[in-house]
C-alpha atoms as a PDB file:
ATOM      1  CA  MET A   1      13.972  93.819 -56.818  1.00  0.00           C
ATOM      2  CA  LEU A   2      15.753  93.134 -52.674  1.00  0.00           C
ATOM      3  CA  ILE A   3      19.333  92.465 -54.146  1.00  0.00           C
ATOM      4  CA  LYS A   4      18.965  95.798 -55.992  1.00  0.00           C
ATOM      5  CA  ASN A   5      18.050  97.224 -53.109  1.00  0.00           C
ATOM      6  CA  ILE A   6      20.519  95.910 -51.171  1.00  0.00           C
ATOM      7  CA  PHE A   7      23.158  97.177 -53.753  1.00  0.00           C
ATOM      8  CA  THR A   8      21.750 100.646 -53.158  1.00  0.00           C
ATOM      9  CA  ARG A   9      23.033 100.677 -49.605  1.00  0.00           C
ATOM     10  CA  LEU A  10      26.165  98.790 -49.813  1.00  0.00           C
ATOM     11  CA  SER A  11      26.813 101.916 -52.186  1.00  0.00           C
ATOM     12  CA  GLN A  12      26.823 103.932 -49.215  1.00  0.00           C
ATOM     13  CA  LEU A  13      28.717 102.189 -47.116  1.00  0.00           C
ATOM     14  CA  PRO A  14      32.611 103.345 -46.286  1.00  0.00           C
ATOM     15  CA  THR A  15      35.222 101.661 -47.752  1.00  0.00           C
ATOM     16  CA  GLU A  16      36.333  99.418 -44.718  1.00  0.00           C
ATOM     17  CA  GLU A  17      32.546  98.270 -44.229  1.00  0.00           C
ATOM     18  CA  LYS A  18      32.429  97.144 -47.700  1.00  0.00           C
ATOM     19  CA  GLU A  19      35.957  95.016 -47.220  1.00  0.00           C
ATOM     20  CA  THR A  20      34.723  93.785 -43.925  1.00  0.00           C
ATOM     21  CA  LEU A  21      31.804  92.814 -45.273  1.00  0.00           C
ATOM     22  CA  VAL A  22      33.410  90.986 -48.623  1.00  0.00           C
ATOM     23  CA  GLU A  23      35.251  89.171 -45.892  1.00  0.00           C
ATOM     24  CA  GLU A  24      32.156  87.434 -44.015  1.00  0.00           C
ATOM     25  CA  LEU A  25      30.753  86.543 -47.249  1.00  0.00           C
ATOM     26  CA  LYS A  26      33.558  84.479 -47.795  1.00  0.00           C
ATOM     27  CA  VAL A  27      34.018  83.305 -45.149  1.00  0.00           C
ATOM     28  CA  GLN A  28      30.076  82.054 -44.944  1.00  0.00           C
ATOM     29  CA  ILE A  29      30.411  80.781 -48.951  1.00  0.00           C
ATOM     30  CA  PHE A  30      33.193  78.381 -47.680  1.00  0.00           C
ATOM     31  CA  GLU A  31      31.003  77.110 -44.435  1.00  0.00           C
ATOM     32  CA  ASP A  32      28.129  76.372 -46.907  1.00  0.00           C
ATOM     33  CA  LYS A  33      30.424  74.404 -49.863  1.00  0.00           C
ATOM     34  CA  ASN A  34      32.277  72.531 -46.883  1.00  0.00           C
ATOM     35  CA  THR A  35      29.257  71.773 -45.051  1.00  0.00           C
ATOM     36  CA  TYR A  36      28.094  69.983 -47.695  1.00  0.00           C
ATOM     37  CA  GLN A  37      31.702  68.123 -48.674  1.00  0.00           C
ATOM     38  CA  SER A  38      32.322  67.495 -44.936  1.00  0.00           C
ATOM     39  CA  LYS A  39      28.194  65.424 -44.928  1.00  0.00           C
ATOM     40  CA  THR A  40      29.065  63.559 -47.693  1.00  0.00           C
ATOM     41  CA  GLU A  41      32.035  61.949 -46.653  1.00  0.00           C
ATOM     42  CA  GLU A  42      29.907  59.534 -44.588  1.00  0.00           C
ATOM     43  CA  TYR A  43      29.045  58.059 -48.207  1.00  0.00           C
ATOM     44  CA  ARG A  44      32.687  57.661 -49.411  1.00  0.00           C
ATOM     45  CA  ARG A  45      33.120  53.909 -50.770  1.00  0.00           C
ATOM     46  CA  ASP A  46      35.727  51.484 -49.662  1.00  0.00           C
ATOM     47  CA  CYS A  47      33.926  48.716 -51.969  1.00  0.00           C
ATOM     48  CA  CYS A  48      31.563  47.833 -54.879  1.00  0.00           C
ATOM     49  CA  PRO A  49      27.737  47.874 -53.912  1.00  0.00           C
ATOM     50  CA  LYS A  50      27.181  44.843 -55.913  1.00  0.00           C
ATOM     51  CA  CYS A  51      29.653  42.523 -55.326  1.00  0.00           C
ATOM     52  CA  GLY A  52      31.501  44.007 -52.202  1.00  0.00           C
ATOM     53  CA  SER A  53      34.763  43.948 -53.736  1.00  0.00           C
ATOM     54  CA  HIS A  54      37.667  46.289 -52.688  1.00  0.00           C
ATOM     55  CA  HIS A  55      39.723  46.843 -56.310  1.00  0.00           C
ATOM     56  CA  PHE A  56      37.965  49.332 -57.834  1.00  0.00           C
ATOM     57  CA  ILE A  57      39.154  52.352 -60.321  1.00  0.00           C
ATOM     58  CA  LYS A  58      38.197  55.827 -61.306  1.00  0.00           C
ATOM     59  CA  TYR A  59      36.110  55.821 -64.092  1.00  0.00           C
ATOM     60  CA  GLY A  60      35.608  59.834 -64.835  1.00  0.00           C
ATOM     61  CA  PHE A  61      32.626  62.083 -63.454  1.00  0.00           C
ATOM     62  CA  ASN A  62      29.008  61.555 -63.715  1.00  0.00           C
ATOM     63  CA  LYS A  63      26.670  65.140 -64.703  1.00  0.00           C
ATOM     64  CA  SER A  64      26.850  66.036 -60.910  1.00  0.00           C
ATOM     65  CA  LEU A  65      30.815  66.326 -61.344  1.00  0.00           C
ATOM     66  CA  GLU A  66      30.711  63.590 -58.847  1.00  0.00           C
ATOM     67  CA  GLN A  67      33.510  61.270 -59.101  1.00  0.00           C
ATOM     68  CA  ARG A  68      32.175  57.696 -60.647  1.00  0.00           C
ATOM     69  CA  TYR A  69      34.418  54.343 -60.259  1.00  0.00           C
ATOM     70  CA  GLN A  70      34.085  50.555 -61.855  1.00  0.00           C
ATOM     71  CA  CYS A  71      34.821  47.527 -60.314  1.00  0.00           C
ATOM     72  CA  LYS A  72      37.833  45.577 -61.313  1.00  0.00           C
ATOM     73  CA  LYS A  73      36.356  42.277 -60.843  1.00  0.00           C
ATOM     74  CA  GLU A  74      35.809  40.166 -64.014  1.00  0.00           C
ATOM     75  CA  THR A  75      32.674  38.988 -63.426  1.00  0.00           C
ATOM     76  CA  CYS A  76      31.185  42.561 -62.083  1.00  0.00           C
ATOM     77  CA  LYS A  77      32.344  45.356 -63.905  1.00  0.00           C
ATOM     78  CA  THR A  78      30.036  47.587 -61.877  1.00  0.00           C
ATOM     79  CA  ILE A  79      30.279  51.497 -62.435  1.00  0.00           C
ATOM     80  CA  PHE A  80      29.238  52.981 -59.221  1.00  0.00           C
ATOM     81  CA  SER A  81      29.786  56.475 -57.359  1.00  0.00           C
ATOM     82  CA  ASP A  82      29.806  57.642 -54.126  1.00  0.00           C
ATOM     83  CA  SER A  83      25.977  58.173 -53.554  1.00  0.00           C
ATOM     84  CA  THR A  84      25.284  54.924 -55.142  1.00  0.00           C
ATOM     85  CA  GLY A  85      22.382  53.093 -52.478  1.00  0.00           C
ATOM     86  CA  SER A  86      22.142  56.505 -50.792  1.00  0.00           C
ATOM     87  CA  VAL A  87      19.428  58.669 -50.020  1.00  0.00           C
ATOM     88  CA  ILE A  88      21.109  61.450 -52.068  1.00  0.00           C
ATOM     89  CA  TYR A  89      21.646  59.256 -54.973  1.00  0.00           C
ATOM     90  CA  ARG A  90      20.977  61.081 -58.328  1.00  0.00           C
ATOM     91  CA  LEU A  91      19.827  63.891 -56.762  1.00  0.00           C
ATOM     92  CA  HIS A  92      20.610  66.946 -59.396  1.00  0.00           C
ATOM     93  CA  LEU A  93      21.003  69.509 -56.511  1.00  0.00           C
ATOM     94  CA  LYS A  94      22.760  67.951 -54.197  1.00  0.00           C
ATOM     95  CA  SER A  95      24.168  71.084 -52.528  1.00  0.00           C
ATOM     96  CA  LYS A  96      20.878  71.658 -51.676  1.00  0.00           C
ATOM     97  CA  TRP A  97      19.917  68.920 -49.794  1.00  0.00           C
ATOM     98  CA  TYR A  98      21.206  69.325 -45.973  1.00  0.00           C
ATOM     99  CA  GLU A  99      20.079  72.814 -46.388  1.00  0.00           C
ATOM    100  CA  TYR A 100      16.702  71.741 -47.076  1.00  0.00           C
ATOM    101  CA  ILE A 101      16.582  69.065 -44.239  1.00  0.00           C
ATOM    102  CA  ASP A 102      17.888  72.075 -41.815  1.00  0.00           C
ATOM    103  CA  THR A 103      15.406  74.159 -42.691  1.00  0.00           C
ATOM    104  CA  MET A 104      12.370  71.615 -42.709  1.00  0.00           C
ATOM    105  CA  PHE A 105      13.405  70.513 -39.084  1.00  0.00           C
ATOM    106  CA  ASN A 106      13.850  74.180 -37.677  1.00  0.00           C
ATOM    107  CA  GLY A 107      10.613  74.116 -35.909  1.00  0.00           C
ATOM    108  CA  SER A 108       8.808  76.239 -38.576  1.00  0.00           C
ATOM    109  CA  PHE A 109       6.537  74.448 -41.004  1.00  0.00           C
ATOM    110  CA  TYR A 110       6.596  75.531 -44.920  1.00  0.00           C
ATOM    111  CA  SER A 111       4.416  74.136 -47.415  1.00  0.00           C
ATOM    112  CA  THR A 112       6.253  72.795 -50.671  1.00  0.00           C
ATOM    113  CA  ARG A 113       5.514  75.689 -52.458  1.00  0.00           C
ATOM    114  CA  GLU A 114       7.079  77.492 -49.324  1.00  0.00           C
ATOM    115  CA  MET A 115      10.351  75.764 -49.504  1.00  0.00           C
ATOM    116  CA  GLY A 116      10.425  76.021 -52.963  1.00  0.00           C
ATOM    117  CA  LYS A 117      11.079  79.666 -53.401  1.00  0.00           C
ATOM    118  CA  LYS A 118      13.265  79.547 -50.054  1.00  0.00           C
ATOM    119  CA  MET A 119      15.164  77.141 -51.717  1.00  0.00           C
ATOM    120  CA  ARG A 120      15.177  77.972 -55.013  1.00  0.00           C
ATOM    121  CA  ILE A 121      13.859  75.227 -56.261  1.00  0.00           C
ATOM    122  CA  CYS A 122      11.006  74.438 -57.991  1.00  0.00           C
ATOM    123  CA  HIS A 123       7.958  73.164 -55.454  1.00  0.00           C
ATOM    124  CA  LYS A 124       7.816  70.071 -57.426  1.00  0.00           C
ATOM    125  CA  THR A 125      11.389  68.950 -55.911  1.00  0.00           C
ATOM    126  CA  ALA A 126      10.559  70.182 -52.884  1.00  0.00           C
ATOM    127  CA  PHE A 127       7.701  68.054 -52.706  1.00  0.00           C
ATOM    128  CA  PHE A 128       9.612  64.981 -53.614  1.00  0.00           C
ATOM    129  CA  TRP A 129      12.319  65.963 -51.197  1.00  0.00           C
ATOM    130  CA  ARG A 130       9.968  66.317 -48.599  1.00  0.00           C
ATOM    131  CA  HIS A 131       8.395  62.621 -48.973  1.00  0.00           C
ATOM    132  CA  LYS A 132      12.098  61.187 -49.453  1.00  0.00           C
ATOM    133  CA  ILE A 133      13.059  62.449 -46.364  1.00  0.00           C
ATOM    134  CA  LEU A 134       9.779  61.265 -44.376  1.00  0.00           C
ATOM    135  CA  PHE A 135      10.177  57.883 -45.731  1.00  0.00           C
ATOM    136  CA  SER A 136      13.914  57.738 -44.674  1.00  0.00           C
ATOM    137  CA  ILE A 137      12.973  58.788 -41.290  1.00  0.00           C
ATOM    138  CA  SER A 138      10.286  56.663 -40.695  1.00  0.00           C
ATOM    139  CA  LYS A 139      10.474  54.245 -37.965  1.00  0.00           C
ATOM    140  CA  LYS A 140       8.125  50.391 -38.389  1.00  0.00           C
ATOM    141  CA  VAL A 141       6.756  49.865 -34.966  1.00  0.00           C
ATOM    142  CA  THR A 142       6.583  45.976 -34.873  1.00  0.00           C
ATOM    143  CA  LYS A 143       5.071  45.202 -30.756  1.00  0.00           C
ATOM    144  CA  LEU A 144       2.834  47.618 -28.565  1.00  0.00           C
ATOM    145  CA  PHE A 145       2.869  47.108 -24.963  1.00  0.00           C
ATOM    146  CA  GLY A 146       0.102  47.136 -22.149  1.00  0.00           C
ATOM    147  CA  ILE A 147      -2.831  49.136 -22.931  1.00  0.00           C
ATOM    148  CA  VAL A 148      -3.162  50.051 -26.620  1.00  0.00           C
ATOM    149  CA  GLU A 149      -4.831  53.315 -27.379  1.00  0.00           C
ATOM    150  CA  VAL A 150      -6.863  53.487 -31.011  1.00  0.00           C
ATOM    151  CA  ASP A 151      -8.935  56.496 -32.617  1.00  0.00           C
ATOM    152  CA  ASP A 152      -9.920  57.590 -35.926  1.00  0.00           C
ATOM    153  CA  LEU A 153      -8.947  60.951 -37.049  1.00  0.00           C
ATOM    154  CA  HIS A 154     -10.418  62.772 -39.778  1.00  0.00           C
ATOM    155  CA  TYR A 155      -8.351  64.879 -42.399  1.00  0.00           C
ATOM    156  CA  SER A 156      -9.953  67.362 -45.083  1.00  0.00           C
ATOM    157  CA  PHE A 157      -9.184  65.640 -48.578  1.00  0.00           C
ATOM    158  CA  ASN A 158      -8.437  68.740 -50.879  1.00  0.00           C
ATOM    159  CA  GLN A 159      -7.892  67.920 -54.375  1.00  0.00           C
ATOM    160  CA  LYS A 160      -6.758  71.216 -55.978  1.00  0.00           C
ATOM    161  CA  GLY A 161      -5.153  70.245 -59.526  1.00  0.00           C
ATOM    162  CA  ARG A 162      -6.736  67.257 -60.100  1.00  0.00           C
ATOM    163  CA  GLN A 163      -8.199  66.788 -63.577  1.00  0.00           C
ATOM    164  CA  ASN A 164     -11.648  65.137 -64.350  1.00  0.00           C
ATOM    165  CA  LEU A 165     -13.443  65.541 -61.248  1.00  0.00           C
ATOM    166  CA  ASN A 166     -17.288  65.404 -61.473  1.00  0.00           C
ATOM    167  CA  SER A 167     -17.802  68.236 -59.913  1.00  0.00           C
ATOM    168  CA  PRO A 168     -14.562  70.520 -60.282  1.00  0.00           C
ATOM    169  CA  LYS A 169     -16.450  73.629 -57.579  1.00  0.00           C
ATOM    170  CA  LYS A 170     -15.379  71.054 -54.904  1.00  0.00           C
ATOM    171  CA  ARG A 171     -11.739  70.663 -56.122  1.00  0.00           C
ATOM    172  CA  GLY A 172     -10.591  72.845 -53.263  1.00  0.00           C
ATOM    173  CA  ARG A 173     -13.400  72.751 -50.703  1.00  0.00           C
ATOM    174  CA  GLN A 174     -12.818  72.143 -46.642  1.00  0.00           C
ATOM    175  CA  ASN A 175     -14.860  69.279 -45.638  1.00  0.00           C
ATOM    176  CA  ASN A 176     -17.662  71.013 -43.356  1.00  0.00           C
ATOM    177  CA  LYS A 177     -19.065  67.786 -41.875  1.00  0.00           C
ATOM    178  CA  GLN A 178     -18.659  66.667 -38.141  1.00  0.00           C
ATOM    179  CA  GLY A 179     -17.396  63.457 -37.180  1.00  0.00           C
ATOM    180  CA  ASP A 180     -17.323  60.184 -39.732  1.00  0.00           C
ATOM    181  CA  ASN A 181     -18.374  60.842 -43.021  1.00  0.00           C
ATOM    182  CA  SER A 182     -17.789  59.809 -46.399  1.00  0.00           C
ATOM    183  CA  GLU A 183     -15.774  63.181 -47.623  1.00  0.00           C
ATOM    184  CA  SER A 184     -12.915  63.378 -45.125  1.00  0.00           C
ATOM    185  CA  VAL A 185      -9.376  60.905 -45.258  1.00  0.00           C
ATOM    186  CA  LYS A 186      -9.166  58.644 -42.710  1.00  0.00           C
ATOM    187  CA  ILE A 187      -5.626  57.807 -40.646  1.00  0.00           C
ATOM    188  CA  LEU A 188      -5.742  55.105 -38.117  1.00  0.00           C
ATOM    189  CA  ALA A 189      -3.740  56.292 -34.868  1.00  0.00           C
ATOM    190  CA  THR A 190      -2.407  53.405 -32.498  1.00  0.00           C
ATOM    191  CA  THR A 191      -0.689  54.023 -29.632  1.00  0.00           C
ATOM    192  CA  ASP A 192       0.698  52.438 -26.293  1.00  0.00           C
ATOM    193  CA  ARG A 193       1.705  54.206 -23.003  1.00  0.00           C
ATOM    194  CA  GLU A 194       5.167  53.997 -23.902  1.00  0.00           C
ATOM    195  CA  GLY A 195       5.324  56.036 -26.431  1.00  0.00           C
ATOM    196  CA  ASP A 196       5.304  54.007 -29.845  1.00  0.00           C
ATOM    197  CA  MET A 197       2.270  55.150 -32.467  1.00  0.00           C
ATOM    198  CA  ILE A 198       1.634  53.946 -35.204  1.00  0.00           C
ATOM    199  CA  LEU A 199      -0.286  56.879 -37.820  1.00  0.00           C
ATOM    200  CA  ASP A 200      -2.035  54.885 -41.299  1.00  0.00           C
ATOM    201  CA  VAL A 201      -4.045  56.476 -43.454  1.00  0.00           C
ATOM    202  CA  VAL A 202      -6.775  54.002 -44.137  1.00  0.00           C
ATOM    203  CA  ARG A 203      -9.031  55.340 -46.446  1.00  0.00           C
ATOM    204  CA  ILE A 204     -11.221  57.968 -47.847  1.00  0.00           C
ATOM    205  CA  GLY A 205     -14.525  57.702 -46.572  1.00  0.00           C
ATOM    206  CA  ARG A 206     -15.473  55.915 -43.497  1.00  0.00           C
ATOM    207  CA  LEU A 207     -13.844  53.855 -41.262  1.00  0.00           C
ATOM    208  CA  LYS A 208     -14.396  49.808 -41.900  1.00  0.00           C
ATOM    209  CA  ALA A 209     -13.145  47.073 -39.615  1.00  0.00           C
ATOM    210  CA  SER A 210     -11.025  45.770 -42.630  1.00  0.00           C
ATOM    211  CA  ASP A 211      -9.179  49.082 -42.284  1.00  0.00           C
ATOM    212  CA  VAL A 212      -8.808  48.447 -38.767  1.00  0.00           C
ATOM    213  CA  LYS A 213      -7.204  44.851 -39.711  1.00  0.00           C
ATOM    214  CA  LYS A 214      -4.910  45.677 -42.389  1.00  0.00           C
ATOM    215  CA  SER A 215      -2.919  48.431 -39.632  1.00  0.00           C
ATOM    216  CA  ILE A 216      -2.679  46.675 -36.595  1.00  0.00           C
ATOM    217  CA  GLY A 217      -4.223  43.214 -37.313  1.00  0.00           C
ATOM    218  CA  GLY A 218      -0.153  41.907 -37.239  1.00  0.00           C
ATOM    219  CA  ILE A 219       0.639  44.142 -34.499  1.00  0.00           C
ATOM    220  CA  ILE A 220      -2.193  44.004 -31.672  1.00  0.00           C
ATOM    221  CA  ASN A 221      -1.125  40.754 -29.150  1.00  0.00           C
ATOM    222  CA  LYS A 222      -4.344  39.469 -27.967  1.00  0.00           C
ATOM    223  CA  GLU A 223      -2.245  38.026 -24.978  1.00  0.00           C
ATOM    224  CA  THR A 224      -0.776  41.003 -24.170  1.00  0.00           C
ATOM    225  CA  ASN A 225      -2.896  44.165 -25.284  1.00  0.00           C
ATOM    226  CA  ILE A 226      -5.931  45.558 -23.994  1.00  0.00           C
ATOM    227  CA  LEU A 227      -7.594  47.387 -26.962  1.00  0.00           C
ATOM    228  CA  THR A 228      -8.928  50.615 -25.724  1.00  0.00           C
ATOM    229  CA  SER A 229     -11.491  53.021 -28.203  1.00  0.00           C
ATOM    230  CA  ASP A 230     -14.778  54.824 -28.337  1.00  0.00           C
ATOM    231  CA  LYS A 231     -17.747  53.025 -29.242  1.00  0.00           C
ATOM    232  CA  HIS A 232     -16.613  53.079 -33.058  1.00  0.00           C
ATOM    233  CA  PRO A 233     -18.822  49.656 -34.372  1.00  0.00           C
ATOM    234  CA  SER A 234     -15.602  48.942 -36.929  1.00  0.00           C
ATOM    235  CA  LEU A 235     -13.443  49.151 -33.696  1.00  0.00           C
ATOM    236  CA  LYS A 236     -15.500  46.700 -31.901  1.00  0.00           C
ATOM    237  CA  SER A 237     -15.923  44.476 -34.382  1.00  0.00           C
ATOM    238  CA  PHE A 238     -12.349  43.919 -35.025  1.00  0.00           C
ATOM    239  CA  ALA A 239     -11.667  43.432 -31.645  1.00  0.00           C
ATOM    240  CA  LYS A 240     -14.147  41.001 -31.146  1.00  0.00           C
ATOM    241  CA  ALA A 241     -12.828  38.877 -34.601  1.00  0.00           C
ATOM    242  CA  PHE A 242      -9.446  38.507 -33.427  1.00  0.00           C
ATOM    243  CA  LYS A 243     -10.651  38.166 -29.968  1.00  0.00           C
ATOM    244  CA  ILE A 244      -9.224  40.715 -27.829  1.00  0.00           C
ATOM    245  CA  GLN A 245      -9.938  42.475 -24.453  1.00  0.00           C
ATOM    246  CA  HIS A 246     -11.293  45.827 -25.795  1.00  0.00           C
ATOM    247  CA  GLU A 247     -12.716  48.490 -23.248  1.00  0.00           C
ATOM    248  CA  THR A 248     -14.590  51.187 -24.922  1.00  0.00           C
ATOM    249  CA  PHE A 249     -16.288  54.566 -23.525  1.00  0.00           C
ATOM    250  CA  LEU A 250     -19.056  56.847 -25.062  1.00  0.00           C
ATOM    251  CA  ALA A 251     -17.258  59.843 -27.183  1.00  0.00           C
ATOM    252  CA  LYS A 252     -19.407  62.627 -25.034  1.00  0.00           C
ATOM    253  CA  HIS A 253     -17.192  60.937 -21.610  1.00  0.00           C
ATOM    254  CA  HIS A 254     -13.899  60.750 -23.228  1.00  0.00           C
ATOM    255  CA  SER A 255     -12.720  58.298 -20.328  1.00  0.00           C
ATOM    256  CA  ARG A 256     -14.007  55.403 -18.558  1.00  0.00           C
ATOM    257  CA  ALA A 257     -12.465  54.193 -15.486  1.00  0.00           C
ATOM    258  CA  LYS A 258      -9.722  56.866 -15.925  1.00  0.00           C
ATOM    259  CA  ILE A 259      -7.750  54.533 -17.341  1.00  0.00           C
ATOM    260  CA  TYR A 260      -9.514  53.916 -20.082  1.00  0.00           C
ATOM    261  CA  HIS A 261      -9.101  56.571 -22.933  1.00  0.00           C
ATOM    262  CA  VAL A 262      -7.197  57.910 -26.059  1.00  0.00           C
ATOM    263  CA  ASN A 263      -5.914  61.101 -24.418  1.00  0.00           C
ATOM    264  CA  THR A 264      -2.357  59.893 -25.328  1.00  0.00           C
ATOM    265  CA  ILE A 265      -3.280  60.121 -29.293  1.00  0.00           C
ATOM    266  CA  ASN A 266      -5.115  63.526 -28.374  1.00  0.00           C
ATOM    267  CA  LYS A 267      -2.116  65.163 -27.382  1.00  0.00           C
ATOM    268  CA  LYS A 268      -0.281  63.745 -30.334  1.00  0.00           C
ATOM    269  CA  ALA A 269      -2.400  64.266 -33.011  1.00  0.00           C
ATOM    270  CA  GLY A 270      -4.270  67.918 -31.979  1.00  0.00           C
ATOM    271  CA  ARG A 271      -1.099  69.567 -33.582  1.00  0.00           C
ATOM    272  CA  LEU A 272      -0.310  67.351 -36.248  1.00  0.00           C
ATOM    273  CA  LYS A 273      -4.585  68.000 -37.478  1.00  0.00           C
ATOM    274  CA  THR A 274      -4.180  71.711 -37.282  1.00  0.00           C
ATOM    275  CA  LEU A 275      -1.050  71.617 -39.046  1.00  0.00           C
ATOM    276  CA  VAL A 276      -2.622  69.818 -41.522  1.00  0.00           C
ATOM    277  CA  ASN A 277      -6.064  70.981 -41.707  1.00  0.00           C
ATOM    278  CA  ARG A 278      -5.188  74.748 -41.773  1.00  0.00           C
ATOM    279  CA  SER A 279      -1.419  75.420 -42.775  1.00  0.00           C
ATOM    280  CA  PHE A 280      -1.625  73.026 -45.200  1.00  0.00           C
ATOM    281  CA  LYS A 281      -5.522  72.867 -46.507  1.00  0.00           C
ATOM    282  CA  GLY A 282      -5.667  69.572 -45.888  1.00  0.00           C
ATOM    283  CA  VAL A 283      -4.237  66.360 -47.328  1.00  0.00           C
END
C-alpha cells in the first residue's frame, strides 16, 4: 500500500524532479552496496585458517556468491572463504547484517518481531542475529576492586509460545508478586565502584547461595574485596562460607554509613528492568 502511494505521488512530479530523484536513489543504492563490501574487507583472508599456509587458490563461489579458496598444502586441502571463522560466517543475508547492527544500536529499542519487519527478514532470524551480536560483544569480567555491590534483580518470565504447559492460562501472564518469589527470573547483578559489572541469569525462582557461588565465587577475593548488599539470606550464607567481609543494610533503609549501598547497581539496572519487563514483556 505504501509503495502504491509513493508511485501515485511520483507521477505528479515534474520531469526534472523525477530525474533528480532517480540520481539520488542511485547514489543511495551505491552507498548501501559499498558499505557491505567495504566492511567485509576486514575479513579478507591472507592464509589458511586451519594450517596457516599462505599458498592457496581460488575455488569457485558458495551459495552466497562469496569467493571460496582451497589450501594448496598436500596435508591440508582445506576449503574456506573470507568469512570462515567470523561472526558473519554462513549468514544468508550478509548484505543486511551491518544495517541490522546500526538499527539495533541507534538508540531505539525494537522487539525482534519489529526488527524483522523493519529489516524485511524473518523474526526468528532477527532473534538469532540479536543474540549473536550480544554474545560477540560481551565482556568477561575476571576481577573486581574494592567495595563490591551485589543485588538480585527480578524479571517477569513470559512463556508465550511454549507448548505442553500445565497451566496454559499463565503462558503470557505478568508476575505481579513483589520481592523474591518462585515465579520470576532472577538475575544476580554484581559491580564494583570502578564500573565493571556482571549480570548472570541464575534461576527461575528464589535465589540460593549456590547461585551466588556459581556466578561470582571465582571472582570475589576475600583479601581485597568488601561485599555489600541487603540482608538476603543467600548472600549472607555465601559470604559466611567464603569468609568474605560482608556489610549489610536493611532494604528499606537502602544504605548504611553512607558508603555501603547498591545505588550503582540500581542506576544501571533500572533502565534495563523497565525495558525488559515493559517494552519486551518479560524474559
